Amino acid sequence: MSAHFRHSLVLAYALPASALEPLLPPTLEPDRHGDLGFAAAAFVQTERMRPSSFPRALGLDFFLGGYRIFVRVADRLSLRGLYILRSDTDRRLLTFLGNLFTSYRYRTVDAGFRLEDELLHVDVRPGVSVTADLCRIPAPLPEGSPFGSLEQARRFAGPLPYTFHHEPETGRLLSVRGTRSEWDPQPVAVEVRELDFISAGLFGAEPVLANAFYVSDIDYRWERGRLLTTERG
């Protein structure tokens, strides 16, 4: 599958890694920075998504919100990626197809981006109201971030090379690799007025905003999924 990302804004939140472990299958574990793990909220304005062999004119435009955990494969720690907890979109067709062919838990929402005077607003009803100040790029890391440098924070900027789906029946993982052009996300200052999925108590711990990164006008491609056999399967 191929697509173009008009806007991509990703916010990563730090939590004790132990708070994320119950949300993961046994084949995956939190990707750690010290004793911390990270959950992220990603908001993407996606354009012309289509099978790679199709012309761009036949692609689908939509808003995509993704809530995921940064993970490693339990017995192959060099394999880093993302595990999807939930996905939001403004297109019912994508909700239907996404839930038919993936385990990414799509739901249909009223959502979109607004760009006004270099302020990028993300609104999802219900549950999300975030503004990114594109005039302040690059911005310093958020106050209270556990990262000591921008280099550390970039390791959790997303998206990572792989997204994983666990097959409980077989104990195997399906890995989907993403490739992109000229990927250089920039730290951005954000105002988070509402972000229900992160603040709703799902994690049993208080999330701390660790970083926020923005990138625009990127071509992206998802390769065919591959099955991995793990020692814990």
Protein backbone atom coordinates (compact mmCIF):
# COMPACT_ATOMS: atom_id res chain seq x y z
CA MET A 1 0.00 0.00 0.00
CA SER A 2 1.16 3.54 -0.77
CA ALA A 3 0.05 6.95 0.53
CA HIS A 4 1.07 10.56 1.05
CA PHE A 5 1.13 12.12 4.53
CA ARG A 6 0.09 15.77 4.36
CA HIS A 7 0.45 16.21 8.14
CA SER A 8 1.78 13.82 10.78
CA LEU A 9 1.83 14.76 14.47
CA VAL A 10 2.94 12.20 17.06
CA LEU A 11 2.88 12.69 20.84
CA ALA A 12 4.73 10.14 23.00
CA TYR A 13 3.91 9.69 26.69
CA ALA A 14 6.20 8.11 29.27
CA LEU A 15 4.89 5.59 31.80
CA PRO A 16 6.43 2.85 33.92
CA ALA A 17 7.13 -0.04 31.57
CA SER A 18 5.33 -2.32 34.02
CA ALA A 19 2.10 -0.36 33.39
CA LEU A 20 2.25 -1.20 29.67
CA GLU A 21 3.11 -4.90 29.96
CA PRO A 22 -0.49 -6.09 30.67
CA LEU A 23 -1.63 -4.50 27.40
CA LEU A 24 0.84 -6.49 25.28
CA PRO A 25 0.81 -10.08 24.03
CA PRO A 26 3.54 -12.39 25.41
CA THR A 27 5.57 -12.07 22.20
CA LEU A 28 6.13 -8.35 22.75
CA GLU A 29 7.56 -6.20 25.53
CA PRO A 30 7.77 -2.43 26.04
CA ASP A 31 10.66 -0.65 24.37
CA ARG A 32 12.36 0.95 27.34
CA HIS A 33 14.27 4.07 28.25
CA GLY A 34 15.52 3.11 31.69
CA ASP A 35 12.47 1.83 33.57
CA LEU A 36 10.06 3.73 31.34
CA GLY A 37 7.97 2.63 28.40
CA PHE A 38 6.07 4.81 25.95
CA ALA A 39 2.56 5.06 24.55
CA ALA A 40 1.89 7.37 21.64
CA ALA A 41 -0.97 9.19 19.97
CA ALA A 42 -0.42 9.79 16.26
CA PHE A 43 -2.57 11.97 14.01
CA VAL A 44 -2.09 11.81 10.25
CA GLN A 45 -3.82 13.46 7.31
CA THR A 46 -3.46 10.73 4.73
CA GLU A 47 -3.91 11.26 1.01
CA ARG A 48 -4.24 8.90 -1.96
CA MET A 49 -3.83 5.63 -0.05
CA ARG A 50 -4.08 2.76 -2.52
CA PRO A 51 -2.48 -0.51 -3.54
CA SER A 52 0.97 0.44 -4.81
CA SER A 53 0.19 -0.72 -8.35
CA PHE A 54 -2.87 1.56 -8.58
CA PRO A 55 -2.72 5.14 -9.95
CA ARG A 56 -2.71 7.95 -7.38
CA ALA A 57 -6.08 9.23 -8.63
CA LEU A 58 -7.76 6.11 -7.22
CA GLY A 59 -6.38 6.64 -3.72
CA LEU A 60 -8.45 7.35 -0.58
CA ASP A 61 -8.05 10.53 1.50
CA PHE A 62 -8.79 10.30 5.22
CA PHE A 63 -7.85 11.31 8.75
CA LEU A 64 -6.13 8.63 10.82
CA GLY A 65 -5.55 8.63 14.56
CA GLY A 66 -3.53 5.82 16.09
CA TYR A 67 -2.88 4.90 19.71
CA ARG A 68 0.03 2.51 20.15
CA ILE A 69 2.86 1.29 22.36
CA PHE A 70 6.54 1.31 21.43
CA VAL A 71 7.64 -2.33 21.61
CA ARG A 72 10.38 -4.85 20.94
CA VAL A 73 9.97 -8.49 19.95
CA ALA A 74 10.55 -10.45 23.16
CA ASP A 75 13.21 -12.82 21.83
CA ARG A 76 14.58 -10.51 19.12
CA LEU A 77 15.21 -7.27 20.93
CA SER A 78 16.78 -5.64 17.89
CA LEU A 79 13.32 -5.65 16.26
CA ARG A 80 11.60 -2.44 17.37
CA GLY A 81 8.16 -1.38 16.33
CA LEU A 82 4.63 -0.46 17.35
CA TYR A 83 1.66 -2.36 18.75
CA ILE A 84 -1.72 -0.77 17.92
CA LEU A 85 -4.26 -0.33 20.71
CA ARG A 86 -6.91 1.59 18.74
CA SER A 87 -7.36 3.50 15.49
CA ASP A 88 -9.66 6.41 14.60
CA THR A 89 -10.71 7.51 11.11
CA ASP A 90 -13.29 9.80 9.56
CA ARG A 91 -14.13 7.32 6.77
CA ARG A 92 -16.61 4.54 7.41
CA LEU A 93 -15.19 2.55 4.50
CA LEU A 94 -11.76 2.50 6.14
CA THR A 95 -13.31 1.44 9.45
CA PHE A 96 -15.01 -1.48 7.73
CA LEU A 97 -11.95 -2.57 5.75
CA GLY A 98 -9.54 -1.96 8.64
CA ASN A 99 -11.53 -4.13 11.03
CA LEU A 100 -12.01 -6.77 8.34
CA PHE A 101 -8.33 -7.17 7.48
CA THR A 102 -6.43 -5.98 10.60
CA SER A 103 -6.58 -6.06 14.39
CA TYR A 104 -6.10 -2.29 14.70
CA ARG A 105 -9.56 -1.70 16.27
CA TYR A 106 -10.88 1.04 14.00
CA ARG A 107 -13.77 3.30 14.91
CA THR A 108 -15.37 6.10 12.90
CA VAL A 109 -15.12 9.61 14.35
CA ASP A 110 -15.68 13.22 13.34
CA ALA A 111 -12.09 14.43 12.94
CA GLY A 112 -9.73 16.65 11.01
CA PHE A 113 -6.84 19.11 10.87
CA ARG A 114 -7.10 22.91 10.66
CA LEU A 115 -4.10 25.10 9.81
CA GLU A 116 -4.52 28.71 10.95
CA ASP A 117 -1.64 31.19 11.22
CA GLU A 118 0.93 28.39 11.54
CA LEU A 119 -1.11 26.74 14.30
CA LEU A 120 -2.09 23.19 13.41
CA HIS A 121 -5.26 22.14 15.22
CA VAL A 122 -6.24 18.48 15.63
CA ASP A 123 -9.85 17.89 16.64
CA VAL A 124 -11.48 14.50 17.14
CA ARG A 125 -15.00 14.28 18.47
CA PRO A 126 -15.14 12.80 20.96
CA GLY A 127 -11.92 13.04 22.85
CA VAL A 128 -9.08 15.02 21.24
CA SER A 129 -8.17 18.71 21.09
CA VAL A 130 -4.49 19.39 20.38
CA THR A 131 -2.68 22.36 18.83
CA ALA A 132 0.87 22.31 17.45
CA ASP A 133 2.76 25.60 17.00
CA LEU A 134 4.54 25.23 13.66
CA CYS A 135 6.27 28.59 14.18
CA ARG A 136 8.31 27.04 17.01
CA ILE A 137 10.22 24.38 15.08
CA PRO A 138 12.49 23.01 16.34
CA ALA A 139 11.02 23.38 19.82
CA PRO A 140 12.54 22.27 23.13
CA LEU A 141 11.37 19.02 24.67
CA PRO A 142 8.27 19.29 26.89
CA GLU A 143 8.80 20.27 30.49
CA GLY A 144 9.19 17.14 32.58
CA SER A 145 10.31 14.98 29.64
CA PRO A 146 12.45 12.03 30.80
CA PHE A 147 14.77 12.46 27.81
CA GLY A 148 18.07 14.23 28.38
CA SER A 149 18.59 15.15 24.74
CA LEU A 150 16.83 15.44 21.42
CA GLU A 151 18.79 12.42 20.18
CA GLN A 152 17.25 10.25 22.91
CA ALA A 153 13.78 11.60 22.15
CA ARG A 154 14.11 10.85 18.42
CA ARG A 155 14.38 7.12 19.17
CA PHE A 156 10.72 7.34 20.18
CA ALA A 157 9.55 9.71 17.45
CA GLY A 158 7.70 7.11 15.37
CA PRO A 159 6.72 5.60 13.17
CA LEU A 160 9.24 2.82 13.70
CA PRO A 161 10.05 0.37 10.89
CA TYR A 162 7.56 -2.28 11.99
CA THR A 163 3.99 -2.61 13.21
CA PHE A 164 3.20 -5.94 14.90
CA HIS A 165 0.09 -8.09 15.19
CA HIS A 166 0.08 -11.13 17.50
CA GLU A 167 -1.70 -14.34 16.49
CA PRO A 168 -2.84 -15.95 19.77
CA GLU A 169 -3.74 -19.20 18.02
CA THR A 170 -0.21 -19.81 16.73
CA GLY A 171 1.93 -17.55 18.94
CA ARG A 172 3.35 -15.93 15.83
CA LEU A 173 3.75 -12.25 15.01
CA LEU A 174 2.80 -10.59 11.78
CA SER A 175 5.21 -7.76 11.05
CA VAL A 176 4.34 -5.01 8.57
CA ARG A 177 7.25 -2.85 7.48
CA GLY A 178 6.80 0.79 6.53
CA THR A 179 9.16 2.79 4.31
CA ARG A 180 9.11 6.52 3.74
CA SER A 181 10.86 9.29 1.83
CA GLU A 182 12.96 12.03 3.47
CA TRP A 183 11.74 11.30 6.99
CA ASP A 184 12.99 14.10 9.28
CA PRO A 185 10.44 14.74 12.05
CA GLN A 186 10.94 17.97 13.97
CA PRO A 187 10.22 18.61 17.66
CA VAL A 188 7.22 20.87 18.04
CA ALA A 189 5.51 22.68 20.92
CA VAL A 190 1.98 21.41 21.57
CA GLU A 191 -0.97 22.41 23.71
CA VAL A 192 -2.97 19.37 24.76
CA ARG A 193 -6.40 20.43 25.94
CA GLU A 194 -8.02 17.01 25.62
CA LEU A 195 -6.64 13.55 24.85
CA ASP A 196 -9.06 11.07 26.37
CA PHE A 197 -7.37 7.84 25.36
CA ILE A 198 -4.16 8.78 27.15
CA SER A 199 -5.82 10.33 30.21
CA ALA A 200 -8.68 7.85 30.72
CA GLY A 201 -6.84 5.65 33.23
CA LEU A 202 -6.20 2.75 30.86
CA PHE A 203 -2.56 2.50 31.94
CA GLY A 204 -3.01 2.64 35.71
CA ALA A 205 -0.31 5.31 35.95
CA GLU A 206 0.01 9.01 35.18
CA PRO A 207 1.34 9.57 31.63
CA VAL A 208 3.95 12.32 31.13
CA LEU A 209 4.36 14.00 27.75
CA ALA A 210 7.85 12.99 26.65
CA ASN A 211 8.06 14.39 23.13
CA ALA A 212 6.04 15.73 20.22
CA PHE A 213 7.22 15.51 16.61
CA TYR A 214 5.79 16.87 13.37
CA VAL A 215 6.51 16.07 9.72
CA SER A 216 4.68 16.97 6.51
CA ASP A 217 4.46 16.04 2.82
CA ILE A 218 5.95 12.56 3.02
CA ASP A 219 5.38 9.60 0.73
CA TYR A 220 4.84 6.37 2.69
CA ARG A 221 4.56 2.72 1.76
CA TRP A 222 3.55 -0.41 3.67
CA GLU A 223 5.13 -3.67 2.54
CA ARG A 224 3.38 -7.03 2.59
CA GLY A 225 3.16 -8.50 6.11
CA ARG A 226 5.55 -11.26 7.15
CA LEU A 227 5.07 -13.88 9.84
CA LEU A 228 7.72 -14.24 12.56
CA THR A 229 8.11 -17.32 14.74
CA THR A 230 9.03 -16.49 18.34
CA GLU A 231 10.41 -18.60 21.17
CA ARG A 232 7.34 -17.71 23.24
CA GLY A 233 4.92 -18.94 20.61
